Amino acid sequence: MQVEPPVESPSADDLSRSQKKFLLLLVLAAFAVRAIASIRDGFWQDEIWSLGLALGVQNWWEIFTRVTSTNSHLANTLWLHLLGFQENWGWYRLPAVLSGSAAVALVAGHPVFGAPRPRLLAAFLIATSFPLIHFSSEARGYAPAIFCALLAYFSLQQYWKKKSAPYLLLLHLSIIMGLLWHLTFVFIQGALTVWILWRTAREPGTHQQRLQKLPKFLLPHLVFAAALYLGYIRHTVNEGGSTVTVLGVFLEVFGMVLGGPYIGWPALFSVLVVLGVIFWNITRHYRQGSDEWLFRLMVLLVIPSLLSVIQNNGTIYYRFFVICFPFFYIVLAEQIDLAWRSSSAKRIIATVALIAITCVQTARTEHFLKYGRGNYLDAVFYMATTSSKAELHVGSDHDFRNNMILSYYRYFLPKEITLVYHEWKNWPPGGVDWVIGHVQEAKPHFIRDGILYRWDKSYETFGGDAGATWHLYRKIGPANTAAKTSDAPSSN
């Protein structure tokens, strides 16, 4: 029977000179891709929504007392408030770009995350992951929370190794900041808490001695989480979102993290591969006496699944789980490295799998960089310059979303042009100048209240979790035959 190579424990050996060069290039490339995505891409609805909440308060502390929307993520909203209104929305995304790049450097640069080769491979997977590139170029708090998750893991491991108080302080600070950046950090906090309880219960000494060690690990961040819930979270209100199934979201999570299929029955392939990698990895750690298996089981499967089922309110999205993705890439890197140290057949399979994952993630990133979350500014300028009117009247098939987006981009128009938005049920008798459609596919024309609107131009988006394609319809004039409102794109 073939004996598997042991799990490589974190080595104290530094990276070689060539590995350091690779790490530097990897971090620079990760930063460049994230920076390009943040600057080139349009400011999306959820970001605009967060900015509106941030600018709607007079003082920064009101973010914690007056803002009750679940679209507000406290540290992110605070950052937007401190910046104020900026014409270059890339500044709003700066924390995401920096923390997303720093996550790559942290995983690759420290032995806590494994031996040199597997942790460099994990950093490569993090750097090239489309979901992590996406959320590392968006002002929504996900990327800083992900960095805090890795920092909390690093701090706890370092404290157990060195028993140094600064690492314990860093553990609590990283958990607290993670919760402030995004509340999905509770997945990480829950997994770390279970791991701490497990490790403490297995330490030598009496039951009372073990209990006395727990407060220093748990009390500060759990007290903060309780205070945050009582003072803020329980007062928040969910203000929108489409209804989806937990099963559908889980399929998307498995597909997006792997780079495989994520919709319908083909997504089951991604599920089987991801679960196989996870269970193979945690089984090896368990058999070889490493308690790392428990944290990985908790952070990748148990805690996210349990809390999602308990808290499911019909508005759950795959992006809620991206905070766990880096830990899967660490697991996947270990398994690929193990295969490379095994038989020739396993080396070939692992290499082909790595190439396939990289190609798919890169292709999605390329598509994302090309289309982004939407070219809203270009669309607004096109309507304004093509119409040559001082007052531009616009309607759409989605009042909540498009009115919010237009309310932001109208400020970029020349002062002599005024953009007036009309809700679906309150169009003026003579119709509007332009109609924005995106709920349905584009059609050559439509008629509403006897007015003919013809398709003029479309602005595509990558789609997925953020962004919407805009189909612009120009008002032509009275139609030959009046028609009912139902002939127009339906409103949501």
Protein backbone atom coordinates (compact mmCIF):
# COMPACT_ATOMS: atom_id res chain seq x y z
CA MET A 1 0.00 0.00 0.00
CA GLN A 2 1.33 3.42 -0.99
CA VAL A 3 1.92 5.73 1.96
CA GLU A 4 0.90 9.33 1.42
CA PRO A 5 3.51 12.00 2.10
CA PRO A 6 2.89 13.74 5.41
CA VAL A 7 1.23 17.12 5.66
CA GLU A 8 4.06 19.62 5.45
CA SER A 9 4.18 21.63 8.63
CA PRO A 10 4.95 25.34 8.33
CA SER A 11 8.67 25.59 7.77
CA ALA A 12 10.86 28.21 9.40
CA ASP A 13 12.91 28.34 6.21
CA ASP A 14 12.53 31.56 4.28
CA LEU A 15 11.62 31.68 0.62
CA SER A 16 14.45 31.17 -1.81
CA ARG A 17 15.67 34.07 -3.91
CA SER A 18 13.73 32.93 -6.96
CA GLN A 19 10.61 32.39 -4.85
CA LYS A 20 10.90 35.91 -3.46
CA LYS A 21 11.08 37.27 -6.99
CA PHE A 22 8.01 35.25 -7.92
CA LEU A 23 6.19 36.58 -4.85
CA LEU A 24 7.04 40.18 -5.72
CA LEU A 25 5.84 39.77 -9.30
CA LEU A 26 2.69 37.99 -8.10
CA VAL A 27 1.77 40.76 -5.65
CA LEU A 28 2.45 43.48 -8.23
CA ALA A 29 0.34 41.65 -10.82
CA ALA A 30 -2.47 41.12 -8.30
CA PHE A 31 -2.40 44.82 -7.42
CA ALA A 32 -2.35 45.88 -11.07
CA VAL A 33 -5.36 43.75 -12.05
CA ARG A 34 -7.37 44.91 -9.04
CA ALA A 35 -6.42 48.55 -9.57
CA ILE A 36 -7.38 48.43 -13.25
CA ALA A 37 -10.73 46.83 -12.40
CA SER A 38 -11.42 49.47 -9.75
CA ILE A 39 -10.56 52.46 -11.94
CA ARG A 40 -11.89 51.35 -15.31
CA ASP A 41 -15.16 49.90 -14.10
CA GLY A 42 -18.34 51.84 -13.37
CA PHE A 43 -19.59 52.58 -9.87
CA TRP A 44 -22.31 49.99 -9.23
CA GLN A 45 -25.72 50.28 -7.58
CA ASP A 46 -24.78 48.79 -4.21
CA GLU A 47 -21.76 51.06 -4.00
CA ILE A 48 -23.87 54.08 -4.92
CA TRP A 49 -26.39 53.00 -2.30
CA SER A 50 -23.66 52.77 0.34
CA LEU A 51 -22.31 56.17 -0.69
CA GLY A 52 -25.77 57.69 -0.36
CA LEU A 53 -26.06 56.31 3.16
CA ALA A 54 -22.58 57.60 4.01
CA LEU A 55 -23.26 61.11 2.71
CA GLY A 56 -26.71 61.21 4.31
CA VAL A 57 -25.36 61.71 7.84
CA GLN A 58 -23.76 64.83 9.27
CA ASN A 59 -21.34 63.17 11.68
CA TRP A 60 -19.39 59.93 11.39
CA TRP A 61 -20.84 58.39 14.56
CA GLU A 62 -24.32 58.58 13.08
CA ILE A 63 -23.30 55.70 10.80
CA PHE A 64 -23.50 53.54 13.94
CA THR A 65 -26.71 55.08 15.29
CA ARG A 66 -28.89 56.31 12.40
CA VAL A 67 -28.08 54.13 9.40
CA THR A 68 -30.10 50.91 9.64
CA SER A 69 -29.86 49.54 6.10
CA THR A 70 -28.21 46.15 5.66
CA ASN A 71 -26.49 47.69 2.65
CA SER A 72 -24.29 49.62 5.07
CA HIS A 73 -21.12 47.85 6.18
CA LEU A 74 -19.85 50.00 8.99
CA ALA A 75 -16.15 50.49 8.29
CA ASN A 76 -16.81 50.74 4.56
CA THR A 77 -19.57 53.33 5.07
CA LEU A 78 -17.30 55.25 7.43
CA TRP A 79 -14.58 55.33 4.77
CA LEU A 80 -17.04 56.64 2.18
CA HIS A 81 -18.26 59.29 4.63
CA LEU A 82 -14.75 60.49 5.40
CA LEU A 83 -13.92 60.81 1.69
CA GLY A 84 -17.09 62.68 0.85
CA PHE A 85 -18.20 63.04 -2.77
CA GLN A 86 -15.36 62.17 -5.15
CA GLU A 87 -15.57 62.43 -8.93
CA ASN A 88 -13.06 59.59 -9.24
CA TRP A 89 -14.80 56.65 -7.57
CA GLY A 90 -11.52 54.72 -7.59
CA TRP A 91 -10.73 56.39 -4.25
CA TYR A 92 -13.72 54.67 -2.67
CA ARG A 93 -12.33 51.31 -3.77
CA LEU A 94 -8.78 51.90 -2.53
CA PRO A 95 -9.13 49.85 0.71
CA ALA A 96 -10.42 46.92 -1.34
CA VAL A 97 -7.54 47.06 -3.82
CA LEU A 98 -4.88 47.38 -1.12
CA SER A 99 -6.28 44.68 1.17
CA GLY A 100 -6.91 42.30 -1.73
CA SER A 101 -3.26 42.65 -2.77
CA ALA A 102 -2.04 42.40 0.82
CA ALA A 103 -3.88 39.09 1.23
CA VAL A 104 -1.75 37.63 -1.55
CA ALA A 105 1.45 38.87 0.12
CA LEU A 106 0.44 37.62 3.58
CA VAL A 107 -0.36 34.07 2.46
CA ALA A 108 2.76 33.73 0.34
CA GLY A 109 5.12 35.47 2.70
CA HIS A 110 4.73 33.71 6.04
CA PRO A 111 5.37 30.08 7.09
CA VAL A 112 2.12 30.02 9.10
CA PHE A 113 0.36 29.35 5.78
CA GLY A 114 2.52 26.36 4.92
CA ALA A 115 5.80 25.37 3.33
CA PRO A 116 7.14 27.69 0.61
CA ARG A 117 5.81 25.91 -2.48
CA PRO A 118 2.20 25.26 -1.35
CA ARG A 119 1.78 28.72 0.15
CA LEU A 120 3.11 30.35 -3.03
CA LEU A 121 0.66 28.22 -4.98
CA ALA A 122 -2.15 29.26 -2.62
CA ALA A 123 -1.20 32.91 -3.12
CA PHE A 124 -1.27 32.35 -6.89
CA LEU A 125 -4.79 30.89 -6.66
CA ILE A 126 -5.90 33.85 -4.54
CA ALA A 127 -4.29 36.36 -6.92
CA THR A 128 -5.94 34.84 -10.02
CA SER A 129 -9.35 34.00 -8.51
CA PHE A 130 -12.04 35.93 -10.37
CA PRO A 131 -14.35 36.23 -7.34
CA LEU A 132 -11.54 37.67 -5.23
CA ILE A 133 -10.51 40.06 -8.03
CA HIS A 134 -14.12 41.15 -8.35
CA PHE A 135 -14.59 41.91 -4.66
CA SER A 136 -11.09 43.36 -4.32
CA SER A 137 -12.10 46.08 -6.76
CA GLU A 138 -15.42 47.05 -5.20
CA ALA A 139 -16.20 49.43 -2.34
CA ARG A 140 -18.34 47.00 -0.36
CA GLY A 141 -16.08 45.82 2.50
CA TYR A 142 -15.52 42.23 1.38
CA ALA A 143 -11.79 42.47 0.56
CA PRO A 144 -10.75 44.16 3.84
CA ALA A 145 -12.80 41.57 5.74
CA ILE A 146 -11.00 38.77 3.85
CA PHE A 147 -7.62 40.25 4.78
CA CYS A 148 -8.75 40.49 8.42
CA ALA A 149 -9.76 36.81 8.27
CA LEU A 150 -6.29 35.78 7.14
CA LEU A 151 -4.72 38.11 9.70
CA ALA A 152 -6.82 36.60 12.51
CA TYR A 153 -5.77 33.10 11.48
CA PHE A 154 -2.13 34.22 11.33
CA SER A 155 -2.32 35.91 14.74
CA LEU A 156 -3.86 32.92 16.49
CA GLN A 157 -1.29 30.52 15.05
CA GLN A 158 1.54 32.84 16.03
CA TYR A 159 0.24 33.23 19.56
CA TRP A 160 -0.01 29.48 20.05
CA LYS A 161 3.55 29.17 18.81
CA LYS A 162 5.19 32.11 20.63
CA LYS A 163 2.80 32.97 23.50
CA SER A 164 3.33 36.65 22.72
CA ALA A 165 0.69 39.13 23.93
CA PRO A 166 0.90 41.38 20.82
CA TYR A 167 -0.30 38.48 18.68
CA LEU A 168 -3.26 37.95 20.99
CA LEU A 169 -4.09 41.65 20.75
CA LEU A 170 -3.78 41.45 16.95
CA LEU A 171 -6.18 38.49 16.97
CA HIS A 172 -8.89 40.49 18.70
CA LEU A 173 -8.30 43.61 16.62
CA SER A 174 -8.46 41.69 13.35
CA ILE A 175 -11.72 39.98 14.38
CA ILE A 176 -13.27 43.27 15.48
CA MET A 177 -12.19 45.05 12.30
CA GLY A 178 -13.38 42.11 10.21
CA LEU A 179 -16.86 42.38 11.71
CA LEU A 180 -16.89 46.12 11.06
CA TRP A 181 -15.88 45.72 7.44
CA HIS A 182 -18.45 43.04 6.71
CA LEU A 183 -20.77 41.02 8.93
CA THR A 184 -20.10 37.80 6.99
CA PHE A 185 -16.89 37.77 9.03
CA VAL A 186 -19.01 35.94 11.60
CA PHE A 187 -18.21 32.78 9.59
CA ILE A 188 -14.53 33.24 10.44
CA GLN A 189 -15.22 34.24 14.04
CA GLY A 190 -17.36 31.14 14.54
CA ALA A 191 -14.74 28.82 13.07
CA LEU A 192 -11.95 30.37 15.15
CA THR A 193 -14.06 30.13 18.31
CA VAL A 194 -14.73 26.41 17.80
CA TRP A 195 -11.03 25.86 17.09
CA ILE A 196 -9.98 27.72 20.24
CA LEU A 197 -12.42 25.71 22.36
CA TRP A 198 -11.12 22.46 20.86
CA ARG A 199 -7.47 23.33 21.35
CA THR A 200 -8.03 24.52 24.91
CA ALA A 201 -9.98 21.38 25.85
CA ARG A 202 -7.07 19.21 24.69
CA GLU A 203 -4.37 21.09 26.60
CA PRO A 204 -2.86 19.48 29.73
CA GLY A 205 -4.05 20.52 33.16
CA THR A 206 -7.25 20.46 35.15
CA HIS A 207 -10.65 21.43 33.84
CA GLN A 208 -10.53 24.64 35.85
CA GLN A 209 -7.10 25.56 34.49
CA ARG A 210 -8.32 25.13 30.94
CA LEU A 211 -11.41 27.25 31.60
CA GLN A 212 -9.25 30.02 32.96
CA LYS A 213 -7.44 30.28 29.62
CA LEU A 214 -10.58 30.87 27.58
CA PRO A 215 -11.39 34.50 28.50
CA LYS A 216 -8.19 35.89 27.00
CA PHE A 217 -8.99 34.14 23.71
CA LEU A 218 -12.72 34.77 23.52
CA LEU A 219 -13.93 37.52 25.79
CA PRO A 220 -12.87 40.72 23.93
CA HIS A 221 -14.15 39.85 20.46
CA LEU A 222 -17.27 38.00 21.67
CA VAL A 223 -18.23 40.92 23.91
CA PHE A 224 -17.73 43.28 20.98
CA ALA A 225 -19.85 41.04 18.71
CA ALA A 226 -22.62 40.93 21.32
CA ALA A 227 -22.53 44.72 21.73
CA LEU A 228 -22.57 45.15 17.95
CA TYR A 229 -25.61 42.93 17.68
CA LEU A 230 -27.54 44.59 20.50
CA GLY A 231 -26.63 48.14 19.53
CA TYR A 232 -26.72 47.89 15.75
CA ILE A 233 -27.39 44.62 13.93
CA ARG A 234 -30.78 43.82 15.43
CA HIS A 235 -32.04 47.24 14.34
CA THR A 236 -30.99 46.87 10.70
CA VAL A 237 -33.55 46.44 7.93
CA ASN A 238 -33.18 44.35 4.78
CA GLU A 239 -34.10 46.72 1.96
CA GLY A 240 -34.13 44.64 -1.15
CA GLY A 241 -32.78 41.76 -3.12
CA SER A 242 -34.18 39.00 -5.29
CA THR A 243 -35.45 35.80 -3.73
CA VAL A 244 -33.19 32.81 -4.29
CA THR A 245 -32.84 29.30 -2.91
CA VAL A 246 -30.10 28.19 -0.55
CA LEU A 247 -29.38 25.21 -2.81
CA GLY A 248 -28.93 27.46 -5.84
CA VAL A 249 -26.55 29.71 -3.94
CA PHE A 250 -24.49 26.78 -2.67
CA LEU A 251 -24.11 25.47 -6.23
CA GLU A 252 -22.90 28.91 -7.28
CA VAL A 253 -20.45 29.05 -4.37
CA PHE A 254 -18.84 25.73 -5.25
CA GLY A 255 -18.65 26.63 -8.93
CA MET A 256 -17.24 30.12 -8.45
CA VAL A 257 -14.55 29.12 -5.95
CA LEU A 258 -13.34 26.33 -8.21
CA GLY A 259 -13.79 28.09 -11.53
CA GLY A 260 -16.09 25.31 -12.71
CA PRO A 261 -19.76 25.20 -13.73
CA TYR A 262 -22.00 26.97 -11.22
CA ILE A 263 -25.52 26.82 -12.68
CA GLY A 264 -27.87 23.83 -12.91
CA TRP A 265 -26.90 20.19 -12.96
CA PRO A 266 -23.36 20.76 -14.33
CA ALA A 267 -22.60 22.58 -11.06
CA LEU A 268 -22.73 19.21 -9.30
CA PHE A 269 -19.33 18.50 -10.85
CA SER A 270 -17.91 21.53 -9.02
CA VAL A 271 -19.59 20.42 -5.80
CA LEU A 272 -18.09 16.93 -5.98
CA VAL A 273 -14.59 18.23 -6.75
CA VAL A 274 -14.61 20.88 -4.00
CA LEU A 275 -16.02 18.52 -1.38
CA GLY A 276 -13.54 15.84 -2.42
CA VAL A 277 -10.59 18.21 -2.03
CA ILE A 278 -11.82 19.45 1.36
CA PHE A 279 -12.54 16.03 2.83
CA TRP A 280 -9.30 14.57 1.48
CA ASN A 281 -7.36 17.41 3.07
CA ILE A 282 -9.02 17.40 6.48
CA THR A 283 -8.84 13.59 6.66
CA ARG A 284 -5.07 13.71 6.12
CA HIS A 285 -4.62 16.38 8.77
CA TYR A 286 -6.74 14.39 11.22
CA ARG A 287 -4.88 11.12 10.63
CA GLN A 288 -1.51 12.80 11.02
CA GLY A 289 -2.39 14.49 14.31
CA SER A 290 -2.79 18.08 13.11
CA ASP A 291 -5.80 19.85 14.61
CA GLU A 292 -5.92 22.09 11.53
CA TRP A 293 -8.60 19.73 10.24
CA LEU A 294 -11.19 21.15 12.61
CA PHE A 295 -10.72 24.77 11.62
CA ARG A 296 -10.89 23.90 7.93
CA LEU A 297 -14.01 21.81 8.38
CA MET A 298 -15.65 24.64 10.34
CA VAL A 299 -14.64 27.54 8.09
CA LEU A 300 -15.30 25.83 4.77
CA LEU A 301 -18.41 23.78 5.47
CA VAL A 302 -20.04 23.67 8.88
CA ILE A 303 -20.27 27.30 10.07
CA PRO A 304 -21.26 28.89 6.71
CA SER A 305 -23.85 26.17 6.05
CA LEU A 306 -25.29 26.26 9.55
CA LEU A 307 -25.61 30.04 9.79
CA SER A 308 -26.97 30.32 6.25
CA VAL A 309 -29.74 27.82 6.89
CA ILE A 310 -30.61 29.41 10.24
CA GLN A 311 -30.57 33.00 8.96
CA ASN A 312 -31.92 32.40 5.44
CA ASN A 313 -34.44 35.12 4.57
CA GLY A 314 -34.61 34.60 0.82
CA THR A 315 -31.89 37.15 0.04
CA ILE A 316 -28.70 35.14 0.28
CA TYR A 317 -25.97 35.43 -2.35
CA TYR A 318 -22.76 33.64 -3.20
CA ARG A 319 -20.77 36.80 -2.36
CA PHE A 320 -21.59 36.24 1.31
CA PHE A 321 -19.21 33.26 1.23
CA VAL A 322 -16.19 34.80 -0.53
CA ILE A 323 -14.63 35.51 2.86
CA CYS A 324 -14.01 31.74 3.13
CA PHE A 325 -12.51 31.35 -0.36
CA PRO A 326 -8.83 31.99 0.54
CA PHE A 327 -8.90 29.10 3.01
CA PHE A 328 -10.14 26.77 0.27
CA TYR A 329 -7.29 27.90 -1.97
CA ILE A 330 -4.85 27.07 0.83
CA VAL A 331 -6.39 23.57 1.02
CA LEU A 332 -6.37 23.17 -2.76
CA ALA A 333 -2.72 24.26 -2.96
CA GLU A 334 -1.74 21.67 -0.37
CA GLN A 335 -3.47 18.92 -2.31
CA ILE A 336 -1.89 19.95 -5.60
CA ASP A 337 1.54 20.06 -3.96
CA LEU A 338 0.88 16.61 -2.47
CA ALA A 339 0.01 15.27 -5.92
CA TRP A 340 3.20 16.79 -7.32
CA ARG A 341 5.15 14.83 -4.70
CA SER A 342 3.33 11.58 -5.56
CA SER A 343 3.10 9.40 -8.66
CA SER A 344 3.47 10.62 -12.23
CA ALA A 345 -0.23 10.13 -12.90
CA LYS A 346 -1.20 12.31 -9.95
CA ARG A 347 1.30 14.97 -11.02
CA ILE A 348 -0.24 15.10 -14.47
CA ILE A 349 -3.81 15.26 -13.12
CA ALA A 350 -2.92 18.01 -10.65
CA THR A 351 -1.10 20.05 -13.27
CA VAL A 352 -3.96 19.76 -15.77
CA ALA A 353 -6.45 20.74 -13.05
CA LEU A 354 -4.36 23.77 -12.05
CA ILE A 355 -4.07 24.91 -15.68
CA ALA A 356 -7.82 24.46 -16.21
CA ILE A 357 -8.72 26.42 -13.05
CA THR A 358 -6.31 29.21 -13.96
CA CYS A 359 -7.58 29.45 -17.53
CA VAL A 360 -11.24 29.61 -16.51
CA GLN A 361 -10.62 32.17 -13.76
CA THR A 362 -8.49 34.25 -16.12
CA ALA A 363 -11.14 34.11 -18.84
CA ARG A 364 -13.80 35.31 -16.40
CA THR A 365 -11.51 38.08 -15.21
CA GLU A 366 -10.81 39.15 -18.80
CA HIS A 367 -14.55 39.29 -19.49
CA PHE A 368 -15.07 41.23 -16.28
CA LEU A 369 -12.36 43.76 -17.18
CA LYS A 370 -13.90 44.18 -20.63
CA TYR A 371 -17.53 44.74 -19.59
CA GLY A 372 -17.36 45.37 -15.84
CA ARG A 373 -20.41 46.20 -13.78
CA GLY A 374 -21.80 48.55 -16.41
CA ASN A 375 -20.79 51.55 -18.52
CA TYR A 376 -23.34 53.84 -16.94
CA LEU A 377 -21.39 57.08 -17.35
CA ASP A 378 -20.94 56.48 -21.07
CA ALA A 379 -24.64 55.67 -21.41
CA VAL A 380 -25.71 58.84 -19.58
CA PHE A 381 -23.40 61.01 -21.70
CA TYR A 382 -24.63 59.30 -24.85
CA MET A 383 -28.27 60.09 -24.03
CA ALA A 384 -27.41 63.67 -23.12
CA THR A 385 -25.22 64.48 -26.12
CA THR A 386 -27.42 62.68 -28.65
CA SER A 387 -30.59 64.43 -27.48
CA SER A 388 -29.12 67.96 -27.47
CA LYS A 389 -31.68 69.04 -24.87
CA ALA A 390 -31.21 71.10 -21.74
CA GLU A 391 -33.69 68.86 -19.88
CA LEU A 392 -33.49 65.14 -20.43
CA HIS A 393 -36.49 62.99 -19.42
CA VAL A 394 -35.70 59.33 -18.72
CA GLY A 395 -37.74 56.31 -17.67
CA SER A 396 -36.86 52.66 -17.16
CA ASP A 397 -38.16 49.18 -16.41
CA HIS A 398 -36.64 49.12 -12.89
CA ASP A 399 -37.33 52.26 -10.88
CA PHE A 400 -35.43 51.36 -7.73
CA ARG A 401 -32.18 50.31 -9.39
CA ASN A 402 -31.96 52.69 -12.33
CA ASN A 403 -33.19 55.77 -10.52
CA MET A 404 -30.46 55.24 -7.91
CA ILE A 405 -27.77 54.83 -10.57
CA LEU A 406 -28.93 57.87 -12.53
CA SER A 407 -29.12 59.96 -9.37
CA TYR A 408 -25.37 59.45 -9.02
CA TYR A 409 -24.25 59.81 -12.62
CA ARG A 410 -26.35 62.91 -13.33
CA TYR A 411 -23.79 64.88 -11.31
CA PHE A 412 -21.18 64.16 -13.99
CA LEU A 413 -23.21 65.85 -16.73
CA PRO A 414 -22.48 69.46 -17.76
CA LYS A 415 -24.29 71.96 -15.54
CA GLU A 416 -26.49 73.15 -18.38
CA ILE A 417 -28.05 69.66 -18.76
CA THR A 418 -30.68 68.48 -16.30
CA LEU A 419 -31.67 64.81 -16.09
CA VAL A 420 -35.20 64.14 -14.83
CA TYR A 421 -36.22 60.58 -13.97
CA HIS A 422 -39.87 59.50 -14.23
CA GLU A 423 -41.07 56.41 -12.39
CA TRP A 424 -42.79 53.72 -14.42
CA LYS A 425 -46.30 54.62 -13.32
CA ASN A 426 -45.82 58.38 -13.66
CA TRP A 427 -44.58 59.00 -17.16
CA PRO A 428 -45.68 62.35 -18.63
CA PRO A 429 -48.47 62.29 -21.27
CA GLY A 430 -46.01 62.90 -24.09
CA GLY A 431 -43.70 60.12 -22.95
CA VAL A 432 -40.02 60.34 -22.03
CA ASP A 433 -36.98 61.01 -24.20
CA TRP A 434 -35.19 57.78 -23.35
CA VAL A 435 -36.13 54.46 -21.79
CA ILE A 436 -33.57 52.23 -20.06
CA GLY A 437 -34.40 48.55 -20.27
CA HIS A 438 -32.48 45.70 -18.69
CA VAL A 439 -34.98 43.35 -17.09
CA GLN A 440 -35.68 41.73 -20.47
CA GLU A 441 -33.62 41.12 -23.59
CA ALA A 442 -33.38 44.00 -26.06
CA LYS A 443 -36.17 44.28 -28.65
CA PRO A 444 -36.14 46.37 -31.86
CA HIS A 445 -38.86 48.71 -30.59
CA PHE A 446 -41.89 48.98 -28.35
CA ILE A 447 -44.97 51.19 -28.04
CA ARG A 448 -46.33 52.68 -24.87
CA ASP A 449 -49.34 55.00 -24.65
CA GLY A 450 -49.20 55.55 -28.38
CA ILE A 451 -45.52 56.56 -28.35
CA LEU A 452 -42.97 54.60 -30.35
CA TYR A 453 -39.57 53.90 -28.75
CA ARG A 454 -36.85 52.34 -30.88
CA TRP A 455 -33.78 50.49 -29.66
CA ASP A 456 -30.72 52.67 -30.12
CA LYS A 457 -27.78 51.20 -28.23
CA SER A 458 -26.85 48.62 -25.59
CA TYR A 459 -24.17 48.83 -22.90
CA GLU A 460 -23.24 45.34 -21.84
CA THR A 461 -22.02 44.17 -18.46
CA PHE A 462 -20.27 41.08 -17.20
CA GLY A 463 -23.41 40.16 -15.30
CA GLY A 464 -23.35 37.74 -12.42
CA ASP A 465 -23.41 39.21 -8.95
CA ALA A 466 -23.16 42.90 -9.83
CA GLY A 467 -24.02 45.09 -12.77
CA ALA A 468 -26.78 45.24 -15.33
CA THR A 469 -26.83 45.63 -19.10
CA TRP A 470 -28.59 48.77 -20.25
CA HIS A 471 -30.62 48.79 -23.48
CA LEU A 472 -31.35 52.39 -24.52
CA TYR A 473 -34.59 53.12 -26.35
CA ARG A 474 -35.02 56.51 -28.00
CA LYS A 475 -38.39 58.23 -28.33
CA ILE A 476 -39.37 58.42 -32.00
CA GLY A 477 -42.82 59.95 -31.77
CA PRO A 478 -46.51 58.98 -32.11
CA ALA A 479 -47.02 55.44 -33.32
CA ASN A 480 -49.36 54.57 -36.16
CA THR A 481 -51.38 52.30 -33.88
CA ALA A 482 -51.70 53.00 -30.17
CA ALA A 483 -50.90 50.08 -27.91
CA LYS A 484 -51.21 49.18 -24.30
CA THR A 485 -48.49 49.61 -21.70
CA SER A 486 -47.92 45.84 -21.74
CA ASP A 487 -46.22 46.25 -25.11
CA ALA A 488 -43.30 47.93 -23.31
CA PRO A 489 -40.62 46.15 -21.33
CA SER A 490 -42.24 44.98 -18.10
CA SER A 491 -41.37 46.89 -14.92
CA ASN A 492 -40.03 45.26 -11.79
